[in-house]
PDB file of N, CA and C in Angstrom:
ATOM      1  N   MET A   1      27.158   0.206  12.623  1.00  0.00           N
ATOM      2  CA  MET A   1      26.664  -0.878  11.795  1.00  0.00           C
ATOM      3  C   MET A   1      25.139  -0.846  11.794  1.00  0.00           C
ATOM      4  N   ILE A   2      24.549  -1.006  10.641  1.00  0.00           N
ATOM      5  CA  ILE A   2      23.097  -1.005  10.495  1.00  0.00           C
ATOM      6  C   ILE A   2      22.561  -2.402  10.802  1.00  0.00           C
ATOM      7  N   HIS A   3      21.507  -2.455  11.602  1.00  0.00           N
ATOM      8  CA  HIS A   3      20.858  -3.719  11.936  1.00  0.00           C
ATOM      9  C   HIS A   3      19.479  -3.737  11.291  1.00  0.00           C
ATOM     10  N   TYR A   4      19.139  -4.880  10.695  1.00  0.00           N
ATOM     11  CA  TYR A   4      17.829  -5.036  10.064  1.00  0.00           C
ATOM     12  C   TYR A   4      17.040  -6.104  10.801  1.00  0.00           C
ATOM     13  N   SER A   5      15.732  -5.903  10.843  1.00  0.00           N
ATOM     14  CA  SER A   5      14.841  -6.924  11.375  1.00  0.00           C
ATOM     15  C   SER A   5      13.661  -7.059  10.412  1.00  0.00           C
ATOM     16  N   CYS A   6      13.081  -8.238  10.410  1.00  0.00           N
ATOM     17  CA  CYS A   6      11.944  -8.517   9.537  1.00  0.00           C
ATOM     18  C   CYS A   6      10.737  -7.736  10.050  1.00  0.00           C
ATOM     19  N   ASP A   7      10.105  -6.984   9.179  1.00  0.00           N
ATOM     20  CA  ASP A   7       8.944  -6.189   9.567  1.00  0.00           C
ATOM     21  C   ASP A   7       7.711  -7.053   9.811  1.00  0.00           C
ATOM     22  N   ARG A   8       7.769  -8.307   9.439  1.00  0.00           N
ATOM     23  CA  ARG A   8       6.618  -9.192   9.629  1.00  0.00           C
ATOM     24  C   ARG A   8       6.748 -10.016  10.910  1.00  0.00           C
ATOM     25  N   CYS A   9       7.874 -10.718  11.080  1.00  0.00           N
ATOM     26  CA  CYS A   9       8.032 -11.596  12.247  1.00  0.00           C
ATOM     27  C   CYS A   9       8.974 -11.021  13.302  1.00  0.00           C
ATOM     28  N   LYS A  10       9.605  -9.889  13.006  1.00  0.00           N
ATOM     29  CA  LYS A  10      10.500  -9.171  13.931  1.00  0.00           C
ATOM     30  C   LYS A  10      11.824  -9.888  14.192  1.00  0.00           C
ATOM     31  N   LYS A  11      12.128 -10.945  13.425  1.00  0.00           N
ATOM     32  CA  LYS A  11      13.394 -11.655  13.583  1.00  0.00           C
ATOM     33  C   LYS A  11      14.536 -10.778  13.066  1.00  0.00           C
ATOM     34  N   ILE A  12      15.679 -10.783  13.765  1.00  0.00           N
ATOM     35  CA  ILE A  12      16.859 -10.044  13.327  1.00  0.00           C
ATOM     36  C   ILE A  12      17.401 -10.701  12.061  1.00  0.00           C
ATOM     37  N   ILE A  13      17.709  -9.896  11.053  1.00  0.00           N
ATOM     38  CA  ILE A  13      18.247 -10.402   9.788  1.00  0.00           C
ATOM     39  C   ILE A  13      19.749 -10.137   9.777  1.00  0.00           C
ATOM     40  N   ASP A  14      20.531 -11.199   9.803  1.00  0.00           N
ATOM     41  CA  ASP A  14      21.989 -11.077   9.770  1.00  0.00           C
ATOM     42  C   ASP A  14      22.412 -10.811   8.332  1.00  0.00           C
ATOM     43  N   GLN A  15      23.071  -9.685   8.112  1.00  0.00           N
ATOM     44  CA  GLN A  15      23.458  -9.286   6.756  1.00  0.00           C
ATOM     45  C   GLN A  15      24.459 -10.247   6.121  1.00  0.00           C
ATOM     46  N   HIS A  16      25.249 -10.919   6.936  1.00  0.00           N
ATOM     47  CA  HIS A  16      26.308 -11.776   6.391  1.00  0.00           C
ATOM     48  C   HIS A  16      25.850 -13.203   6.135  1.00  0.00           C
ATOM     49  N   ASP A  17      24.857 -13.673   6.899  1.00  0.00           N
ATOM     50  CA  ASP A  17      24.449 -15.070   6.798  1.00  0.00           C
ATOM     51  C   ASP A  17      23.141 -15.305   6.060  1.00  0.00           C
ATOM     52  N   SER A  18      22.290 -14.289   5.955  1.00  0.00           N
ATOM     53  CA  SER A  18      20.991 -14.521   5.320  1.00  0.00           C
ATOM     54  C   SER A  18      20.618 -13.349   4.417  1.00  0.00           C
ATOM     55  N   LEU A  19      19.702 -13.649   3.524  1.00  0.00           N
ATOM     56  CA  LEU A  19      19.240 -12.620   2.597  1.00  0.00           C
ATOM     57  C   LEU A  19      18.163 -11.766   3.245  1.00  0.00           C
ATOM     58  N   ARG A  20      18.159 -10.503   2.886  1.00  0.00           N
ATOM     59  CA  ARG A  20      17.111  -9.570   3.298  1.00  0.00           C
ATOM     60  C   ARG A  20      16.356  -9.173   2.042  1.00  0.00           C
ATOM     61  N   TYR A  21      15.046  -9.289   2.083  1.00  0.00           N
ATOM     62  CA  TYR A  21      14.209  -8.931   0.939  1.00  0.00           C
ATOM     63  C   TYR A  21      13.502  -7.612   1.239  1.00  0.00           C
ATOM     64  N   VAL A  22      13.436  -6.746   0.252  1.00  0.00           N
ATOM     65  CA  VAL A  22      12.783  -5.451   0.394  1.00  0.00           C
ATOM     66  C   VAL A  22      11.506  -5.463  -0.439  1.00  0.00           C
ATOM     67  N   VAL A  23      10.401  -5.150   0.207  1.00  0.00           N
ATOM     68  CA  VAL A  23       9.109  -5.063  -0.469  1.00  0.00           C
ATOM     69  C   VAL A  23       8.710  -3.591  -0.493  1.00  0.00           C
ATOM     70  N   LYS A  24       8.467  -3.073  -1.693  1.00  0.00           N
ATOM     71  CA  LYS A  24       8.023  -1.689  -1.844  1.00  0.00           C
ATOM     72  C   LYS A  24       6.616  -1.717  -2.423  1.00  0.00           C
ATOM     73  N   ILE A  25       5.716  -1.038  -1.741  1.00  0.00           N
ATOM     74  CA  ILE A  25       4.312  -1.029  -2.157  1.00  0.00           C
ATOM     75  C   ILE A  25       3.891   0.416  -2.377  1.00  0.00           C
ATOM     76  N   GLU A  26       3.278   0.654  -3.513  1.00  0.00           N
ATOM     77  CA  GLU A  26       2.724   1.966  -3.824  1.00  0.00           C
ATOM     78  C   GLU A  26       1.215   1.821  -3.923  1.00  0.00           C
ATOM     79  N   VAL A  27       0.491   2.619  -3.158  1.00  0.00           N
ATOM     80  CA  VAL A  27      -0.965   2.571  -3.160  1.00  0.00           C
ATOM     81  C   VAL A  27      -1.469   3.950  -3.561  1.00  0.00           C
ATOM     82  N   GLN A  28      -2.312   3.975  -4.585  1.00  0.00           N
ATOM     83  CA  GLN A  28      -2.860   5.258  -5.028  1.00  0.00           C
ATOM     84  C   GLN A  28      -4.336   5.107  -5.354  1.00  0.00           C
ATOM     85  N   ALA A  29      -5.064   6.169  -5.116  1.00  0.00           N
ATOM     86  CA  ALA A  29      -6.489   6.157  -5.405  1.00  0.00           C
ATOM     87  C   ALA A  29      -6.693   6.115  -6.915  1.00  0.00           C
ATOM     88  N   ALA A  30      -7.636   5.302  -7.355  1.00  0.00           N
ATOM     89  CA  ALA A  30      -7.979   5.218  -8.774  1.00  0.00           C
ATOM     90  C   ALA A  30      -9.076   6.231  -9.048  1.00  0.00           C
ATOM     91  N   MET A  31      -8.747   7.208  -9.842  1.00  0.00           N
ATOM     92  CA  MET A  31      -9.715   8.263 -10.136  1.00  0.00           C
ATOM     93  C   MET A  31     -10.182   8.130 -11.574  1.00  0.00           C
ATOM     94  N   GLU A  32     -11.476   8.152 -11.721  1.00  0.00           N
ATOM     95  CA  GLU A  32     -12.074   8.038 -13.043  1.00  0.00           C
ATOM     96  C   GLU A  32     -12.003   9.385 -13.752  1.00  0.00           C
ATOM     97  N   PRO A  33     -11.836   9.387 -15.072  1.00  0.00           N
ATOM     98  CA  PRO A  33     -11.803  10.661 -15.799  1.00  0.00           C
ATOM     99  C   PRO A  33     -13.160  11.363 -15.724  1.00  0.00           C
ATOM    100  N   LEU A  34     -13.123  12.681 -15.750  1.00  0.00           N
ATOM    101  CA  LEU A  34     -14.354  13.458 -15.692  1.00  0.00           C
ATOM    102  C   LEU A  34     -15.147  13.321 -16.981  1.00  0.00           C
ATOM    103  N   ASP A  35     -16.450  13.314 -16.839  1.00  0.00           N
ATOM    104  CA  ASP A  35     -17.342  13.333 -17.995  1.00  0.00           C
ATOM    105  C   ASP A  35     -17.567  14.806 -18.343  1.00  0.00           C
ATOM    106  N   LEU A  36     -17.050  15.245 -19.462  1.00  0.00           N
ATOM    107  CA  LEU A  36     -17.107  16.654 -19.824  1.00  0.00           C
ATOM    108  C   LEU A  36     -18.532  17.160 -20.040  1.00  0.00           C
ATOM    109  N   ASP A  37     -19.480  16.273 -20.251  1.00  0.00           N
ATOM    110  CA  ASP A  37     -20.879  16.692 -20.404  1.00  0.00           C
ATOM    111  C   ASP A  37     -21.454  17.170 -19.070  1.00  0.00           C
ATOM    112  N   ASP A  38     -20.900  16.653 -17.951  1.00  0.00           N
ATOM    113  CA  ASP A  38     -21.417  17.006 -16.634  1.00  0.00           C
ATOM    114  C   ASP A  38     -20.764  18.257 -16.052  1.00  0.00           C
ATOM    115  N   VAL A  39     -19.747  18.793 -16.711  1.00  0.00           N
ATOM    116  CA  VAL A  39     -19.031  19.950 -16.185  1.00  0.00           C
ATOM    117  C   VAL A  39     -19.891  21.200 -16.326  1.00  0.00           C
ATOM    118  N   ASP A  40     -20.026  21.929 -15.231  1.00  0.00           N
ATOM    119  CA  ASP A  40     -20.810  23.156 -15.201  1.00  0.00           C
ATOM    120  C   ASP A  40     -19.891  24.309 -15.577  1.00  0.00           C
ATOM    121  N   ALA A  41     -20.218  25.035 -16.628  1.00  0.00           N
ATOM    122  CA  ALA A  41     -19.378  26.126 -17.117  1.00  0.00           C
ATOM    123  C   ALA A  41     -19.363  27.309 -16.162  1.00  0.00           C
ATOM    124  N   ASP A  42     -20.365  27.421 -15.295  1.00  0.00           N
ATOM    125  CA  ASP A  42     -20.454  28.557 -14.382  1.00  0.00           C
ATOM    126  C   ASP A  42     -19.693  28.332 -13.070  1.00  0.00           C
ATOM    127  N   ARG A  43     -19.120  27.159 -12.871  1.00  0.00           N
ATOM    128  CA  ARG A  43     -18.413  26.873 -11.621  1.00  0.00           C
ATOM    129  C   ARG A  43     -17.115  27.655 -11.553  1.00  0.00           C
ATOM    130  N   ASP A  44     -16.781  28.109 -10.375  1.00  0.00           N
ATOM    131  CA  ASP A  44     -15.514  28.791 -10.132  1.00  0.00           C
ATOM    132  C   ASP A  44     -14.519  27.739  -9.625  1.00  0.00           C
ATOM    133  N   HIS A  45     -13.753  27.169 -10.536  1.00  0.00           N
ATOM    134  CA  HIS A  45     -12.851  26.080 -10.194  1.00  0.00           C
ATOM    135  C   HIS A  45     -11.731  26.543  -9.273  1.00  0.00           C
ATOM    136  N   LEU A  46     -11.226  27.751  -9.446  1.00  0.00           N
ATOM    137  CA  LEU A  46     -10.171  28.254  -8.579  1.00  0.00           C
ATOM    138  C   LEU A  46     -10.668  28.402  -7.146  1.00  0.00           C
ATOM    139  N   LEU A  47     -11.892  28.852  -6.982  1.00  0.00           N
ATOM    140  CA  LEU A  47     -12.467  28.973  -5.645  1.00  0.00           C
ATOM    141  C   LEU A  47     -12.622  27.595  -5.003  1.00  0.00           C
ATOM    142  N   GLU A  48     -13.054  26.613  -5.776  1.00  0.00           N
ATOM    143  CA  GLU A  48     -13.209  25.256  -5.249  1.00  0.00           C
ATOM    144  C   GLU A  48     -11.865  24.679  -4.818  1.00  0.00           C
ATOM    145  N   ILE A  49     -10.823  24.924  -5.604  1.00  0.00           N
ATOM    146  CA  ILE A  49      -9.490  24.436  -5.251  1.00  0.00           C
ATOM    147  C   ILE A  49      -9.010  25.102  -3.964  1.00  0.00           C
ATOM    148  N   GLN A  50      -9.219  26.415  -3.867  1.00  0.00           N
ATOM    149  CA  GLN A  50      -8.835  27.143  -2.652  1.00  0.00           C
ATOM    150  C   GLN A  50      -9.550  26.584  -1.429  1.00  0.00           C
ATOM    151  N   GLU A  51     -10.831  26.289  -1.553  1.00  0.00           N
ATOM    152  CA  GLU A  51     -11.595  25.742  -0.433  1.00  0.00           C
ATOM    153  C   GLU A  51     -11.085  24.353  -0.053  1.00  0.00           C
ATOM    154  N   MET A  52     -10.730  23.545  -1.042  1.00  0.00           N
ATOM    155  CA  MET A  52     -10.186  22.217  -0.767  1.00  0.00           C
ATOM    156  C   MET A  52      -8.862  22.322  -0.030  1.00  0.00           C
ATOM    157  N   LEU A  53      -8.001  23.249  -0.453  1.00  0.00           N
ATOM    158  CA  LEU A  53      -6.714  23.432   0.209  1.00  0.00           C
ATOM    159  C   LEU A  53      -6.892  23.900   1.649  1.00  0.00           C
ATOM    160  N   GLU A  54      -7.841  24.776   1.875  1.00  0.00           N
ATOM    161  CA  GLU A  54      -8.107  25.242   3.231  1.00  0.00           C
ATOM    162  C   GLU A  54      -8.607  24.112   4.128  1.00  0.00           C
ATOM    163  N   ARG A  55      -9.458  23.237   3.573  1.00  0.00           N
ATOM    164  CA  ARG A  55      -9.952  22.104   4.349  1.00  0.00           C
ATOM    165  C   ARG A  55      -8.822  21.142   4.684  1.00  0.00           C
ATOM    166  N   MET A  56      -7.884  20.963   3.748  1.00  0.00           N
ATOM    167  CA  MET A  56      -6.775  20.043   3.987  1.00  0.00           C
ATOM    168  C   MET A  56      -5.830  20.567   5.052  1.00  0.00           C
ATOM    169  N   GLU A  57      -5.793  21.884   5.260  1.00  0.00           N
ATOM    170  CA  GLU A  57      -4.938  22.459   6.288  1.00  0.00           C
ATOM    171  C   GLU A  57      -5.503  22.222   7.682  1.00  0.00           C
ATOM    172  N   ASP A  58      -6.783  21.963   7.781  1.00  0.00           N
ATOM    173  CA  ASP A  58      -7.405  21.682   9.075  1.00  0.00           C
ATOM    174  C   ASP A  58      -6.839  20.394   9.651  1.00  0.00           C
ATOM    175  N   GLU A  59      -6.824  20.290  10.958  1.00  0.00           N
ATOM    176  CA  GLU A  59      -6.306  19.099  11.619  1.00  0.00           C
ATOM    177  C   GLU A  59      -7.137  17.864  11.311  1.00  0.00           C
ATOM    178  N   GLU A  60      -8.427  18.048  11.087  1.00  0.00           N
ATOM    179  CA  GLU A  60      -9.297  16.920  10.810  1.00  0.00           C
ATOM    180  C   GLU A  60      -8.919  16.217   9.516  1.00  0.00           C
ATOM    181  N   CYS A  61      -8.364  16.943   8.576  1.00  0.00           N
ATOM    182  CA  CYS A  61      -8.038  16.375   7.269  1.00  0.00           C
ATOM    183  C   CYS A  61      -6.546  16.086   7.137  1.00  0.00           C
ATOM    184  N   SER A  62      -5.810  16.012   8.247  1.00  0.00           N
ATOM    185  CA  SER A  62      -4.365  15.825   8.162  1.00  0.00           C
ATOM    186  C   SER A  62      -3.994  14.493   7.507  1.00  0.00           C
ATOM    187  N   GLY A  63      -4.847  13.471   7.586  1.00  0.00           N
ATOM    188  CA  GLY A  63      -4.562  12.182   6.976  1.00  0.00           C
ATOM    189  C   GLY A  63      -5.126  12.030   5.579  1.00  0.00           C
ATOM    190  N   ALA A  64      -5.633  13.093   5.001  1.00  0.00           N
ATOM    191  CA  ALA A  64      -6.260  13.000   3.675  1.00  0.00           C
ATOM    192  C   ALA A  64      -5.268  12.584   2.611  1.00  0.00           C
ATOM    193  N   GLY A  65      -4.018  13.001   2.740  1.00  0.00           N
ATOM    194  CA  GLY A  65      -3.008  12.629   1.749  1.00  0.00           C
ATOM    195  C   GLY A  65      -2.780  11.127   1.699  1.00  0.00           C
ATOM    196  N   ASN A  66      -2.870  10.451   2.852  1.00  0.00           N
ATOM    197  CA  ASN A  66      -2.688   9.004   2.898  1.00  0.00           C
ATOM    198  C   ASN A  66      -3.834   8.264   2.229  1.00  0.00           C
ATOM    199  N   GLU A  67      -4.971   8.903   2.110  1.00  0.00           N
ATOM    200  CA  GLU A  67      -6.096   8.255   1.437  1.00  0.00           C
ATOM    201  C   GLU A  67      -5.929   8.289  -0.075  1.00  0.00           C
ATOM    202  N   VAL A  68      -5.075   9.171  -0.574  1.00  0.00           N
ATOM    203  CA  VAL A  68      -4.885   9.318  -2.007  1.00  0.00           C
ATOM    204  C   VAL A  68      -3.626   8.595  -2.483  1.00  0.00           C
ATOM    205  N   TYR A  69      -2.536   8.669  -1.690  1.00  0.00           N
ATOM    206  CA  TYR A  69      -1.272   8.067  -2.126  1.00  0.00           C
ATOM    207  C   TYR A  69      -0.435   7.657  -0.923  1.00  0.00           C
ATOM    208  N   GLN A  70       0.124   6.458  -0.982  1.00  0.00           N
ATOM    209  CA  GLN A  70       1.046   5.971   0.040  1.00  0.00           C
ATOM    210  C   GLN A  70       2.165   5.195  -0.627  1.00  0.00           C
ATOM    211  N   LYS A  71       3.349   5.354  -0.099  1.00  0.00           N
ATOM    212  CA  LYS A  71       4.508   4.577  -0.545  1.00  0.00           C
ATOM    213  C   LYS A  71       5.064   3.888   0.689  1.00  0.00           C
ATOM    214  N   LEU A  72       5.029   2.548   0.703  1.00  0.00           N
ATOM    215  CA  LEU A  72       5.418   1.756   1.860  1.00  0.00           C
ATOM    216  C   LEU A  72       6.667   0.940   1.551  1.00  0.00           C
ATOM    217  N   HIS A  73       7.461   0.647   2.584  1.00  0.00           N
ATOM    218  CA  HIS A  73       8.722  -0.059   2.417  1.00  0.00           C
ATOM    219  C   HIS A  73       8.867  -1.036   3.585  1.00  0.00           C
ATOM    220  N   TYR A  74       9.099  -2.329   3.285  1.00  0.00           N
ATOM    221  CA  TYR A  74       9.217  -3.349   4.316  1.00  0.00           C
ATOM    222  C   TYR A  74      10.435  -4.215   4.049  1.00  0.00           C
ATOM    223  N   ASP A  75      11.113  -4.644   5.119  1.00  0.00           N
ATOM    224  CA  ASP A  75      12.190  -5.620   5.046  1.00  0.00           C
ATOM    225  C   ASP A  75      11.632  -6.960   5.496  1.00  0.00           C
ATOM    226  N   LEU A  76      11.953  -8.022   4.745  1.00  0.00           N
ATOM    227  CA  LEU A  76      11.468  -9.359   5.088  1.00  0.00           C
ATOM    228  C   LEU A  76      12.622 -10.339   5.165  1.00  0.00           C
ATOM    229  N   CYS A  77      12.530 -11.306   6.081  1.00  0.00           N
ATOM    230  CA  CYS A  77      13.487 -12.411   6.133  1.00  0.00           C
ATOM    231  C   CYS A  77      13.106 -13.423   5.045  1.00  0.00           C
ATOM    232  N   SER A  78      13.912 -14.446   4.892  1.00  0.00           N
ATOM    233  CA  SER A  78      13.672 -15.446   3.832  1.00  0.00           C
ATOM    234  C   SER A  78      12.332 -16.161   3.994  1.00  0.00           C
ATOM    235  N   ASP A  79      12.012 -16.572   5.220  1.00  0.00           N
ATOM    236  CA  ASP A  79      10.758 -17.294   5.457  1.00  0.00           C
ATOM    237  C   ASP A  79       9.535 -16.421   5.162  1.00  0.00           C
ATOM    238  N   CYS A  80       9.551 -15.188   5.656  1.00  0.00           N
ATOM    239  CA  CYS A  80       8.417 -14.293   5.426  1.00  0.00           C
ATOM    240  C   CYS A  80       8.326 -13.880   3.955  1.00  0.00           C
ATOM    241  N   HIS A  81       9.471 -13.768   3.287  1.00  0.00           N
ATOM    242  CA  HIS A  81       9.470 -13.463   1.850  1.00  0.00           C
ATOM    243  C   HIS A  81       8.760 -14.564   1.083  1.00  0.00           C
ATOM    244  N   ARG A  82       9.070 -15.803   1.406  1.00  0.00           N
ATOM    245  CA  ARG A  82       8.460 -16.948   0.718  1.00  0.00           C
ATOM    246  C   ARG A  82       6.945 -16.934   0.928  1.00  0.00           C
ATOM    247  N   GLN A  83       6.516 -16.671   2.160  1.00  0.00           N
ATOM    248  CA  GLN A  83       5.078 -16.622   2.454  1.00  0.00           C
ATOM    249  C   GLN A  83       4.413 -15.449   1.743  1.00  0.00           C
ATOM    250  N   TYR A  84       5.103 -14.323   1.692  1.00  0.00           N
ATOM    251  CA  TYR A  84       4.545 -13.136   1.031  1.00  0.00           C
ATOM    252  C   TYR A  84       4.368 -13.372  -0.468  1.00  0.00           C
ATOM    253  N   VAL A  85       5.368 -13.963  -1.101  1.00  0.00           N
ATOM    254  CA  VAL A  85       5.296 -14.206  -2.543  1.00  0.00           C
ATOM    255  C   VAL A  85       4.163 -15.181  -2.878  1.00  0.00           C
ATOM    256  N   ASN A  86       3.937 -16.174  -2.027  1.00  0.00           N
ATOM    257  CA  ASN A  86       2.863 -17.139  -2.262  1.00  0.00           C
ATOM    258  C   ASN A  86       1.475 -16.555  -2.020  1.00  0.00           C
ATOM    259  N   ASN A  87       1.373 -15.534  -1.164  1.00  0.00           N
ATOM    260  CA  ASN A  87       0.071 -14.961  -0.829  1.00  0.00           C
ATOM    261  C   ASN A  87       0.247 -13.479  -0.483  1.00  0.00           C
ATOM    262  N   PRO A  88       0.517 -12.627  -1.478  1.00  0.00           N
ATOM    263  CA  PRO A  88       0.852 -11.224  -1.199  1.00  0.00           C
ATOM    264  C   PRO A  88      -0.258 -10.425  -0.531  1.00  0.00           C
ATOM    265  N   LEU A  89      -1.507 -10.776  -0.735  1.00  0.00           N
ATOM    266  CA  LEU A  89      -2.608 -10.031  -0.124  1.00  0.00           C
ATOM    267  C   LEU A  89      -3.002 -10.578   1.244  1.00  0.00           C
ATOM    268  N   GLY A  90      -2.394 -11.683   1.636  1.00  0.00           N
ATOM    269  CA  GLY A  90      -2.690 -12.250   2.940  1.00  0.00           C
ATOM    270  C   GLY A  90      -4.093 -12.804   3.058  1.00  0.00           C
ATOM    271  N   SER A  91      -4.701 -13.117   1.925  1.00  0.00           N
ATOM    272  CA  SER A  91      -6.059 -13.663   1.967  1.00  0.00           C
ATOM    273  C   SER A  91      -6.001 -15.142   2.350  1.00  0.00           C
ATOM    274  N   GLU A  92      -7.073 -15.593   2.942  1.00  0.00           N
ATOM    275  CA  GLU A  92      -7.127 -17.000   3.323  1.00  0.00           C
ATOM    276  C   GLU A  92      -7.207 -17.854   2.070  1.00  0.00           C
ATOM    277  N   LEU A  93      -6.336 -18.838   2.006  1.00  0.00           N
ATOM    278  CA  LEU A  93      -6.315 -19.728   0.849  1.00  0.00           C
ATOM    279  C   LEU A  93      -7.300 -20.866   1.080  1.00  0.00           C
ATOM    280  N   PRO A  94      -8.057 -21.238   0.044  1.00  0.00           N
ATOM    281  CA  PRO A  94      -9.005 -22.342   0.208  1.00  0.00           C
ATOM    282  C   PRO A  94      -8.247 -23.657   0.432  1.00  0.00           C
ATOM    283  N   VAL A  95      -8.840 -24.506   1.238  1.00  0.00           N
ATOM    284  CA  VAL A  95      -8.238 -25.808   1.504  1.00  0.00           C
ATOM    285  C   VAL A  95      -8.366 -26.648   0.248  1.00  0.00           C
ATOM    286  N   GLN A  96      -7.225 -27.184  -0.189  1.00  0.00           N
ATOM    287  CA  GLN A  96      -7.251 -28.015  -1.402  1.00  0.00           C
ATOM    288  C   GLN A  96      -7.200 -29.479  -0.978  1.00  0.00           C
ATOM    289  N   ILE A  97      -8.152 -30.218  -1.480  1.00  0.00           N
ATOM    290  CA  ILE A  97      -8.238 -31.630  -1.150  1.00  0.00           C
ATOM    291  C   ILE A  97      -7.716 -32.422  -2.334  1.00  0.00           C
ATOM    292  N   GLY A  98      -6.779 -33.297  -2.065  1.00  0.00           N
ATOM    293  CA  GLY A  98      -6.217 -34.125  -3.130  1.00  0.00           C
ATOM    294  C   GLY A  98      -6.869 -35.498  -3.136  1.00  0.00           C
ATOM    295  N   PHE A  99      -7.305 -35.938  -4.303  1.00  0.00           N
ATOM    296  CA  PHE A  99      -7.923 -37.245  -4.433  1.00  0.00           C
ATOM    297  C   PHE A  99      -6.959 -38.188  -5.158  1.00  0.00           C
ATOM    298  N   SER A 100      -6.941 -39.420  -4.751  1.00  0.00           N
ATOM    299  CA  SER A 100      -6.073 -40.384  -5.404  1.00  0.00           C
ATOM    300  C   SER A 100      -6.649 -40.744  -6.766  1.00  0.00           C
ATOM    301  N   GLN A 101      -5.840 -41.316  -7.616  1.00  0.00           N
ATOM    302  CA  GLN A 101      -6.234 -41.663  -8.972  1.00  0.00           C
ATOM    303  C   GLN A 101      -6.811 -43.080  -9.056  1.00  0.00           C
ATOM    304  N   ASN A 102      -7.471 -43.582  -8.026  1.00  0.00           N
ATOM    305  CA  ASN A 102      -8.034 -44.947  -8.013  1.00  0.00           C
ATOM    306  C   ASN A 102      -9.154 -45.078  -8.977  1.00  0.00           C
TER     307      ASN A 102
END
């Protein structure tokens, strides 16, 4: 039997008694299109690609792929789902002061 727990509060999620919410997040680097006026016709693009691939094979650059693209998956309980939907970025919400209509 598969057991699920909330990735936020670590509470066990009972499949029969409560709902489990799945949050899928895709993060990718936003790359601007190249300005063709700035492209140097004398550049050896294949050599540059080869050098980039060699650098990525080094241990120092092993996390470079995560800087460009990530696909994340989280399970949430009902309470954490409600909090996530109200504030998905987890930013601090400004205090709202309510004034009476006097």
